[in-house]
Amino acid sequence: MILSKYFHDILIGIEAIFANKLKSLLTALGIIFGVAAVISMLAIGNGAQQEILEQIKMVGVNNIVITPTAQSVGGQSDEESAEDSKEEKRKFSKGLSLLDAEAIMKVLPTVVDKISPVISFNYSAILDGKSKPVVLEGVAPCYFELFNMNLVMGETFANRQSNLGQKVCIIGDNIRKTFFNQDNPIGKYIKCGEIWLKVIGVVERRDFTASASDEMGISSSDNKIFIPVRTMLSRFKDRALIRADEIERSNGRSNQQGGSKKHNNLNQLDKIVVQVKETEMLGSTSEVIRRMMLRRHNEVFDFEVTIPELLLKQQQRTKNIFNIVLGAIASISLIVGGIGIMNIMLASVMERIREIGTRQAIGASKKDIIVQFLAESTLISLSGGIVGIILGVVLSMLITYMFDIKTIISFFSIFIAFGVSVFVGILFGYLPARKAAEQDPVISLRQ
């Protein structure tokens, strides 16, 4: 009813827009870029948030990761020893070992839910003349639950297989495709080093982002072969069993190289992953583990205790603040675009003052004049919002393609950006429309 009543006034506004195409386009540019900026910035924020959530899922909930540091096993560095008194006995640590994992489970049985040692070596997998470099990883049966890893076929290690160190393995998706293609690998054998391993399971493929880090316990499982920890120690390599003559040879090589030491990794384990039952206990449990490990390692800090989930959540909070700032900056451009509409419409009122006087002289009411100019500003912001949405979607895709930054465009961001653009058009268009309606028709006709 209202639309039909003021249809003629709206039609005049549309004709005015098409009569001044360039001016209308320049007026709409602020809205176009404002909407595009809001959509693309929110898309980046949504992508970052989704990436963090995926990483939290990948590192597992309530996990604590213990890793050896760069400090060599066997004690302090030469510089530290030189500073100490010559009479003081040099401290010794045997490094991260399986006994540490067993001690943590024994001391904290009511707090710790699951625990898995991790040992990693680079090997070559061989089958039917094909060879592929792989990461051979010794883990506990609960390792896959710790990191939310599902098996697409087969099953995980049984306790008997793990305790006896049997020659069984679970392979990643790339290894399955390389050696078995479309065949079912379950029950078949693959050679790793000098050992034939029976395949009992295949891990699902997981999207691995570049921002994910091994420091937080995140790594791609597609090129890995998982075996029980005791299988690794008994059938492949146990770094804790290094011989004295190997240490002597290593020291001799370092002396020949001008005294510079290149420390080998003599830690039996590369990592210990501990899962705590309650999130609230993460901080206190990590502190207890740190103190216990320090005592076990003879007060030598040759390890590091990290809580990946808390680090990622802190990173998420930082990114959320950054995204709010980006969204606020992008929203300012919408306000600037609205001010641009108001300025040009005010100038348009002064340019078309004779037209306003003529309309008023032939019977147009103040409401008719307001509707005419308000229709112009609203249609400009409406069309600018539509073009801005298209541009924002394209920009988001370009950001993903060119910079490999994950973006997620949500209906909410489109709705908000478009709604604000229309609201801005109405809000900043009303003042010029009211100014036009208040013109004295006699004075308008004289000009």
Protein backbone atom coordinates (compact mmCIF):
# COMPACT_ATOMS: atom_id res chain seq x y z
CA MET A 1 0.00 0.00 0.00
CA ILE A 2 2.75 2.44 1.00
CA LEU A 3 4.89 1.33 -1.97
CA SER A 4 2.09 1.96 -4.45
CA LYS A 5 1.33 5.34 -2.83
CA TYR A 6 4.90 6.58 -3.26
CA PHE A 7 5.72 4.55 -6.39
CA HIS A 8 5.96 7.67 -8.54
CA ASP A 9 8.39 9.32 -6.10
CA ILE A 10 10.58 6.19 -6.02
CA LEU A 11 10.52 6.08 -9.82
CA ILE A 12 11.76 9.68 -10.00
CA GLY A 13 14.61 8.75 -7.63
CA ILE A 14 15.59 5.80 -9.83
CA GLU A 15 15.56 8.01 -12.93
CA ALA A 16 17.83 10.50 -11.15
CA ILE A 17 20.32 7.68 -10.37
CA PHE A 18 20.47 6.55 -14.01
CA ALA A 19 20.68 10.14 -15.22
CA ASN A 20 23.90 10.58 -13.18
CA LYS A 21 25.53 7.14 -13.52
CA LEU A 22 29.11 8.22 -12.78
CA LYS A 23 28.15 10.25 -9.72
CA SER A 24 26.00 7.38 -8.43
CA LEU A 25 28.88 4.91 -8.92
CA LEU A 26 31.34 7.15 -7.08
CA THR A 27 28.77 7.58 -4.30
CA ALA A 28 28.38 3.80 -3.97
CA LEU A 29 32.15 3.06 -3.93
CA GLY A 30 32.43 3.66 -0.18
CA ILE A 31 29.64 1.16 0.51
CA ILE A 32 31.04 -1.36 -2.01
CA PHE A 33 34.51 -1.44 -0.49
CA GLY A 34 33.13 -1.29 3.04
CA VAL A 35 30.92 -4.36 2.56
CA ALA A 36 33.70 -6.22 0.72
CA ALA A 37 36.16 -5.42 3.53
CA VAL A 38 33.78 -6.58 6.26
CA ILE A 39 33.00 -9.88 4.49
CA SER A 40 36.63 -10.69 3.63
CA MET A 41 37.94 -9.73 7.10
CA LEU A 42 35.28 -11.80 8.86
CA ALA A 43 36.03 -14.67 6.45
CA ILE A 44 39.70 -14.54 7.48
CA GLY A 45 38.67 -14.48 11.13
CA ASN A 46 36.32 -17.44 10.72
CA GLY A 47 39.03 -19.36 8.87
CA ALA A 48 41.57 -18.67 11.62
CA GLN A 49 39.13 -19.74 14.30
CA GLN A 50 38.27 -22.95 12.44
CA GLU A 51 41.97 -23.69 11.98
CA ILE A 52 42.60 -23.28 15.70
CA LEU A 53 39.68 -25.60 16.53
CA GLU A 54 41.05 -28.20 14.12
CA GLN A 55 44.49 -27.92 15.69
CA ILE A 56 43.03 -28.32 19.18
CA LYS A 57 41.31 -31.47 17.95
CA MET A 58 44.58 -32.68 16.41
CA VAL A 59 46.68 -32.12 19.53
CA GLY A 60 44.01 -33.84 21.59
CA VAL A 61 42.06 -32.60 24.58
CA ASN A 62 43.85 -32.22 27.93
CA ASN A 63 47.21 -33.39 26.58
CA ILE A 64 50.58 -32.54 28.10
CA VAL A 65 53.64 -33.06 25.90
CA ILE A 66 57.10 -33.73 27.33
CA THR A 67 59.99 -33.35 24.87
CA PRO A 68 63.79 -33.40 25.27
CA THR A 69 65.58 -30.10 24.83
CA ALA A 70 68.66 -29.38 22.73
CA GLN A 71 70.88 -29.90 25.79
CA SER A 72 72.91 -33.08 25.42
CA VAL A 73 72.22 -36.16 27.46
CA GLY A 74 74.94 -36.74 30.01
CA GLY A 75 75.02 -33.38 31.79
CA GLN A 76 75.64 -29.71 31.38
CA SER A 77 77.37 -27.98 28.48
CA ASP A 78 81.10 -27.17 28.55
CA GLU A 79 80.39 -23.46 29.14
CA GLU A 80 78.22 -24.22 32.17
CA SER A 81 80.83 -26.66 33.54
CA ALA A 82 83.58 -24.05 33.22
CA GLU A 83 81.60 -21.67 35.39
CA ASP A 84 81.11 -24.28 38.12
CA SER A 85 83.69 -25.11 40.69
CA LYS A 86 86.18 -27.74 39.57
CA GLU A 87 85.50 -29.76 42.71
CA GLU A 88 81.75 -29.95 41.97
CA LYS A 89 80.75 -33.16 40.32
CA ARG A 90 79.16 -32.72 36.94
CA LYS A 91 75.45 -33.58 36.94
CA PHE A 92 74.30 -36.44 34.77
CA SER A 93 70.95 -37.19 33.13
CA LYS A 94 70.09 -40.21 31.06
CA GLY A 95 67.51 -38.22 29.09
CA LEU A 96 63.88 -38.94 28.30
CA SER A 97 63.21 -42.64 28.76
CA LEU A 98 60.47 -45.25 28.96
CA LEU A 99 60.99 -45.36 32.73
CA ASP A 100 59.90 -41.71 32.92
CA ALA A 101 56.57 -42.55 31.25
CA GLU A 102 56.04 -45.53 33.58
CA ALA A 103 56.88 -43.39 36.62
CA ILE A 104 54.37 -40.68 35.65
CA MET A 105 51.59 -43.26 35.32
CA LYS A 106 52.60 -44.88 38.60
CA VAL A 107 52.81 -41.63 40.61
CA LEU A 108 49.69 -39.94 39.13
CA PRO A 109 47.21 -42.78 38.44
CA THR A 110 44.16 -40.79 39.60
CA VAL A 111 45.01 -37.74 37.49
CA VAL A 112 46.45 -39.22 34.30
CA ASP A 113 43.97 -40.87 31.95
CA LYS A 114 46.30 -42.10 29.20
CA ILE A 115 50.00 -41.90 28.44
CA SER A 116 52.02 -42.78 25.36
CA PRO A 117 55.77 -42.71 24.73
CA VAL A 118 56.77 -41.73 21.19
CA ILE A 119 59.96 -42.77 19.34
CA SER A 120 60.59 -41.61 15.77
CA PHE A 121 63.16 -42.70 13.19
CA ASN A 122 63.47 -42.17 9.45
CA TYR A 123 63.45 -45.39 7.45
CA SER A 124 62.68 -46.63 3.95
CA ALA A 125 59.62 -48.78 3.41
CA ILE A 126 60.03 -51.42 0.67
CA LEU A 127 57.52 -53.67 -1.08
CA ASP A 128 57.60 -55.31 -4.53
CA GLY A 129 60.52 -53.18 -5.70
CA LYS A 130 58.93 -49.92 -4.55
CA SER A 131 60.73 -47.82 -1.96
CA LYS A 132 59.44 -44.81 -0.04
CA PRO A 133 61.02 -42.77 2.79
CA VAL A 134 58.78 -42.96 5.85
CA VAL A 135 58.73 -41.98 9.50
CA LEU A 136 58.68 -45.06 11.70
CA GLU A 137 57.02 -44.17 14.98
CA GLY A 138 56.86 -46.34 18.09
CA VAL A 139 53.75 -45.58 20.14
CA ALA A 140 51.45 -47.05 22.78
CA PRO A 141 48.03 -48.49 21.81
CA CYS A 142 46.28 -45.41 23.30
CA TYR A 143 48.28 -43.01 21.07
CA PHE A 144 45.50 -42.84 18.47
CA GLU A 145 42.92 -41.90 21.11
CA LEU A 146 45.23 -39.20 22.48
CA PHE A 147 45.32 -37.42 19.11
CA ASN A 148 41.75 -38.25 17.98
CA MET A 149 43.03 -40.37 15.09
CA ASN A 150 40.53 -42.79 13.60
CA LEU A 151 41.29 -45.93 11.62
CA VAL A 152 39.58 -46.26 8.25
CA MET A 153 40.19 -50.02 8.33
CA GLY A 154 41.67 -52.61 10.64
CA GLU A 155 42.27 -52.16 14.35
CA THR A 156 44.80 -50.69 16.74
CA PHE A 157 47.47 -52.64 18.65
CA ALA A 158 46.26 -55.19 21.15
CA ASN A 159 47.90 -55.14 24.60
CA ARG A 160 49.51 -58.51 23.89
CA GLN A 161 51.03 -57.26 20.64
CA SER A 162 52.34 -54.17 22.39
CA ASN A 163 53.74 -55.91 25.47
CA LEU A 164 55.49 -58.65 23.47
CA GLY A 165 56.85 -56.24 20.85
CA GLN A 166 55.31 -58.12 17.94
CA LYS A 167 56.04 -57.14 14.32
CA VAL A 168 52.76 -55.39 13.54
CA CYS A 169 52.10 -51.90 12.19
CA ILE A 170 49.45 -49.32 11.34
CA ILE A 171 50.15 -47.32 8.19
CA GLY A 172 49.26 -43.82 6.97
CA ASP A 173 47.08 -43.05 3.96
CA ASN A 174 49.95 -42.14 1.57
CA ILE A 175 51.73 -45.40 2.34
CA ARG A 176 48.55 -47.36 1.63
CA LYS A 177 48.15 -45.62 -1.73
CA THR A 178 51.83 -46.07 -2.66
CA PHE A 179 52.19 -49.77 -1.89
CA PHE A 180 48.67 -51.22 -1.94
CA ASN A 181 46.71 -48.83 -4.20
CA GLN A 182 43.11 -50.11 -4.16
CA ASP A 183 43.96 -53.43 -2.46
CA ASN A 184 43.07 -54.13 1.13
CA PRO A 185 46.39 -53.94 3.05
CA ILE A 186 45.11 -55.63 6.22
CA GLY A 187 47.04 -58.82 6.90
CA LYS A 188 49.74 -58.06 4.30
CA TYR A 189 53.39 -57.36 5.03
CA ILE A 190 55.64 -54.37 4.37
CA LYS A 191 59.40 -54.23 4.91
CA CYS A 192 60.84 -51.39 6.98
CA GLY A 193 64.60 -51.45 7.34
CA GLU A 194 65.38 -55.14 7.72
CA ILE A 195 62.10 -56.08 9.44
CA TRP A 196 58.89 -57.32 7.81
CA LEU A 197 55.86 -55.80 9.52
CA LYS A 198 52.30 -57.09 9.33
CA VAL A 199 49.73 -54.36 8.53
CA ILE A 200 46.80 -54.44 10.97
CA GLY A 201 45.29 -51.00 10.37
CA VAL A 202 45.21 -47.81 8.26
CA VAL A 203 44.94 -44.31 9.75
CA GLU A 204 42.47 -41.85 8.24
CA ARG A 205 43.85 -39.01 6.16
CA ARG A 206 44.03 -35.72 8.01
CA ASP A 207 44.33 -32.22 6.57
CA PHE A 208 47.62 -30.83 7.83
CA THR A 209 48.01 -27.05 7.87
CA ALA A 210 51.34 -25.30 7.58
CA SER A 211 50.74 -23.43 10.83
CA ALA A 212 50.49 -26.67 12.77
CA SER A 213 53.78 -27.48 14.46
CA ASP A 214 55.57 -30.49 15.84
CA GLU A 215 56.26 -28.41 18.93
CA MET A 216 52.58 -28.76 19.81
CA GLY A 217 52.55 -32.43 18.91
CA ILE A 218 50.86 -31.91 15.54
CA SER A 219 52.24 -33.68 12.50
CA SER A 220 50.87 -35.40 9.44
CA SER A 221 50.32 -39.13 9.84
CA ASP A 222 49.99 -39.84 6.11
CA ASN A 223 53.65 -40.82 5.66
CA LYS A 224 54.07 -42.63 8.97
CA ILE A 225 54.23 -46.27 9.99
CA PHE A 226 53.17 -46.82 13.59
CA ILE A 227 54.49 -49.77 15.59
CA PRO A 228 54.39 -50.64 19.32
CA VAL A 229 57.04 -48.94 21.44
CA ARG A 230 58.57 -52.24 22.58
CA THR A 231 58.76 -53.40 18.97
CA MET A 232 60.79 -50.30 18.17
CA LEU A 233 63.11 -50.78 21.15
CA SER A 234 63.66 -54.52 20.73
CA ARG A 235 63.69 -54.94 16.95
CA PHE A 236 64.84 -51.59 15.51
CA LYS A 237 66.82 -49.19 17.70
CA ASP A 238 67.11 -48.25 21.36
CA ARG A 239 69.14 -45.09 21.88
CA ALA A 240 69.46 -45.86 25.60
CA LEU A 241 71.71 -48.82 24.75
CA ILE A 242 74.42 -46.75 23.10
CA ARG A 243 77.86 -48.21 23.74
CA ALA A 244 80.87 -46.52 25.35
CA ASP A 245 83.02 -46.99 22.25
CA GLU A 246 80.44 -45.04 20.19
CA ILE A 247 80.64 -42.16 22.66
CA GLU A 248 84.45 -42.21 22.42
CA ARG A 249 84.30 -42.15 18.62
CA SER A 250 81.80 -39.26 18.77
CA ASN A 251 84.09 -37.31 21.12
CA GLY A 252 87.08 -38.04 18.88
CA ARG A 253 85.26 -36.70 15.84
CA SER A 254 84.28 -33.52 17.68
CA ASN A 255 87.91 -32.95 18.77
CA GLN A 256 89.10 -33.33 15.18
CA GLN A 257 86.57 -30.66 14.13
CA GLY A 258 88.28 -28.00 16.23
CA GLY A 259 86.57 -28.79 19.49
CA SER A 260 83.03 -28.05 18.28
CA LYS A 261 80.59 -30.62 19.58
CA LYS A 262 77.60 -31.78 17.61
CA HIS A 263 75.43 -33.48 20.21
CA ASN A 264 73.63 -36.59 19.10
CA ASN A 265 70.15 -37.34 20.36
CA LEU A 266 70.75 -39.96 23.04
CA ASN A 267 67.23 -39.74 24.51
CA GLN A 268 65.47 -43.07 24.43
CA LEU A 269 62.18 -41.32 23.67
CA ASP A 270 61.40 -38.37 21.41
CA LYS A 271 58.24 -37.46 23.26
CA ILE A 272 55.88 -38.45 26.07
CA VAL A 273 52.23 -37.53 25.65
CA VAL A 274 50.16 -37.44 28.85
CA GLN A 275 46.40 -36.99 28.87
CA VAL A 276 44.85 -35.53 32.03
CA LYS A 277 41.31 -36.46 33.02
CA GLU A 278 40.12 -32.91 33.79
CA THR A 279 40.99 -29.67 31.98
CA GLU A 280 41.17 -27.79 35.29
CA MET A 281 44.04 -30.04 36.35
CA LEU A 282 46.26 -29.32 33.35
CA GLY A 283 48.31 -26.56 34.95
CA SER A 284 48.84 -28.24 38.32
CA THR A 285 49.56 -31.64 36.74
CA SER A 286 52.14 -30.19 34.35
CA GLU A 287 53.90 -28.54 37.31
CA VAL A 288 53.93 -31.83 39.26
CA ILE A 289 55.31 -33.65 36.20
CA ARG A 290 57.98 -30.97 35.73
CA ARG A 291 59.18 -31.31 39.32
CA MET A 292 59.09 -35.08 39.22
CA MET A 293 61.03 -35.18 35.95
CA LEU A 294 63.57 -32.74 37.36
CA ARG A 295 64.24 -35.05 40.31
CA ARG A 296 64.47 -38.08 38.05
CA HIS A 297 66.92 -36.27 35.75
CA ASN A 298 69.23 -35.26 38.61
CA GLU A 299 68.15 -31.57 38.53
CA VAL A 300 69.16 -31.25 34.87
CA PHE A 301 66.70 -29.32 32.67
CA ASP A 302 67.07 -31.50 29.58
CA PHE A 303 63.32 -31.64 28.96
CA GLU A 304 60.39 -29.31 28.29
CA VAL A 305 56.78 -29.64 29.44
CA THR A 306 54.16 -27.93 27.25
CA ILE A 307 50.37 -27.83 27.18
CA PRO A 308 49.42 -27.49 23.47
CA GLU A 309 45.71 -26.92 24.13
CA LEU A 310 46.34 -23.93 26.40
CA LEU A 311 48.87 -22.49 23.95
CA LEU A 312 46.38 -22.83 21.11
CA LYS A 313 43.57 -21.30 23.17
CA GLN A 314 45.83 -18.35 24.02
CA GLN A 315 46.61 -18.05 20.32
CA GLN A 316 42.87 -18.19 19.61
CA ARG A 317 42.18 -15.35 22.06
CA THR A 318 44.90 -13.26 20.43
CA LYS A 319 43.47 -13.93 16.97
CA ASN A 320 39.94 -13.11 18.17
CA ILE A 321 41.11 -9.71 19.41
CA PHE A 322 42.93 -9.16 16.11
CA ASN A 323 39.80 -10.15 14.16
CA ILE A 324 37.66 -7.73 16.20
CA VAL A 325 40.09 -4.94 15.38
CA LEU A 326 40.04 -5.87 11.68
CA GLY A 327 36.24 -6.01 11.69
CA ALA A 328 36.04 -2.62 13.40
CA ILE A 329 38.41 -1.05 10.87
CA ALA A 330 36.41 -2.56 8.00
CA SER A 331 33.16 -1.31 9.55
CA ILE A 332 34.53 2.24 9.69
CA SER A 333 34.73 2.19 5.90
CA LEU A 334 30.96 1.56 5.83
CA ILE A 335 30.39 4.65 7.96
CA VAL A 336 32.73 6.64 5.71
CA GLY A 337 30.75 5.38 2.72
CA GLY A 338 27.54 6.56 4.40
CA ILE A 339 29.02 9.99 5.02
CA GLY A 340 30.00 10.08 1.35
CA ILE A 341 26.41 9.35 0.37
CA MET A 342 25.18 12.15 2.65
CA ASN A 343 27.65 14.69 1.26
CA ILE A 344 26.87 13.94 -2.37
CA MET A 345 23.12 13.89 -1.71
CA LEU A 346 23.37 17.27 0.03
CA ALA A 347 25.21 18.62 -2.99
CA SER A 348 22.55 17.04 -5.20
CA VAL A 349 19.82 18.91 -3.29
CA MET A 350 21.49 22.24 -4.06
CA GLU A 351 21.96 21.29 -7.72
CA ARG A 352 18.34 20.21 -8.15
CA ILE A 353 16.68 22.93 -6.11
CA ARG A 354 14.68 24.17 -9.13
CA GLU A 355 13.39 20.61 -9.70
CA ILE A 356 12.33 20.46 -6.03
CA GLY A 357 10.52 23.81 -6.31
CA THR A 358 8.72 22.70 -9.49
CA ARG A 359 7.51 19.47 -7.83
CA GLN A 360 6.31 21.36 -4.79
CA ALA A 361 4.51 23.94 -7.00
CA ILE A 362 2.51 21.22 -8.79
CA GLY A 363 1.39 19.65 -5.52
CA ALA A 364 4.15 17.39 -4.22
CA SER A 365 4.11 17.15 -0.43
CA LYS A 366 7.12 17.12 1.90
CA LYS A 367 6.76 13.36 2.24
CA ASP A 368 6.96 12.98 -1.56
CA ILE A 369 10.24 14.91 -1.66
CA ILE A 370 11.65 12.94 1.30
CA VAL A 371 10.70 9.61 -0.32
CA GLN A 372 12.29 10.67 -3.64
CA PHE A 373 15.70 11.55 -2.17
CA LEU A 374 15.57 8.76 0.42
CA ALA A 375 14.87 6.28 -2.38
CA GLU A 376 17.97 7.51 -4.22
CA SER A 377 20.29 7.06 -1.23
CA THR A 378 18.76 3.71 -0.26
CA LEU A 379 19.01 2.30 -3.79
CA ILE A 380 22.62 3.47 -4.09
CA SER A 381 23.55 1.77 -0.79
CA LEU A 382 21.46 -1.31 -1.71
CA SER A 383 23.17 -1.77 -5.07
CA GLY A 384 26.55 -0.98 -3.47
CA GLY A 385 25.88 -3.66 -0.86
CA ILE A 386 25.10 -6.28 -3.52
CA VAL A 387 28.24 -5.45 -5.51
CA GLY A 388 30.22 -5.39 -2.24
CA ILE A 389 29.02 -8.90 -1.36
CA ILE A 390 30.22 -10.23 -4.72
CA LEU A 391 33.54 -8.41 -4.35
CA GLY A 392 33.95 -9.68 -0.77
CA VAL A 393 33.39 -13.31 -1.82
CA VAL A 394 35.89 -12.91 -4.69
CA LEU A 395 38.45 -11.27 -2.37
CA SER A 396 38.11 -14.12 0.14
CA MET A 397 38.75 -16.67 -2.60
CA LEU A 398 41.76 -14.70 -3.86
CA ILE A 399 43.20 -14.51 -0.34
CA THR A 400 42.93 -18.29 0.00
CA TYR A 401 44.39 -18.91 -3.46
CA MET A 402 47.26 -16.40 -3.38
CA PHE A 403 48.33 -16.44 0.30
CA ASP A 404 47.17 -19.91 1.38
CA ILE A 405 45.16 -18.38 4.23
CA LYS A 406 42.04 -20.31 5.11
CA THR A 407 38.85 -18.22 4.76
CA ILE A 408 35.29 -19.19 5.63
CA ILE A 409 32.46 -17.01 4.34
CA SER A 410 29.44 -17.17 6.63
CA PHE A 411 25.85 -16.18 5.89
CA PHE A 412 25.91 -14.14 9.12
CA SER A 413 28.76 -11.90 7.89
CA ILE A 414 26.99 -11.33 4.55
CA PHE A 415 23.71 -10.54 6.33
CA ILE A 416 25.38 -8.13 8.77
CA ALA A 417 27.41 -6.33 6.09
CA PHE A 418 24.44 -5.99 3.73
CA GLY A 419 22.05 -4.96 6.52
CA VAL A 420 24.45 -2.30 7.81
CA SER A 421 24.98 -0.95 4.28
CA VAL A 422 21.21 -0.50 3.76
CA PHE A 423 20.82 1.01 7.23
CA VAL A 424 23.68 3.43 6.54
CA GLY A 425 22.06 4.44 3.24
CA ILE A 426 18.75 5.20 4.96
CA LEU A 427 20.36 6.91 7.95
CA PHE A 428 22.69 9.19 6.00
CA GLY A 429 20.15 9.73 3.22
CA TYR A 430 17.44 11.05 5.51
CA LEU A 431 19.16 14.35 6.33
CA PRO A 432 19.55 15.44 2.68
CA ALA A 433 16.01 14.25 1.96
CA ARG A 434 14.64 16.30 4.84
CA LYS A 435 16.65 19.33 3.75
CA ALA A 436 15.19 19.01 0.25
CA ALA A 437 11.64 18.75 1.63
CA GLU A 438 12.04 21.90 3.73
CA GLN A 439 12.98 24.10 0.77
CA ASP A 440 10.66 27.06 0.15
CA PRO A 441 9.07 26.45 -3.28
CA VAL A 442 9.06 30.20 -4.13
CA ILE A 443 12.77 30.58 -3.39
CA SER A 444 13.51 27.31 -5.18
CA LEU A 445 11.74 28.47 -8.35
CA ARG A 446 13.57 31.78 -8.29
CA GLN A 447 16.92 29.98 -8.30
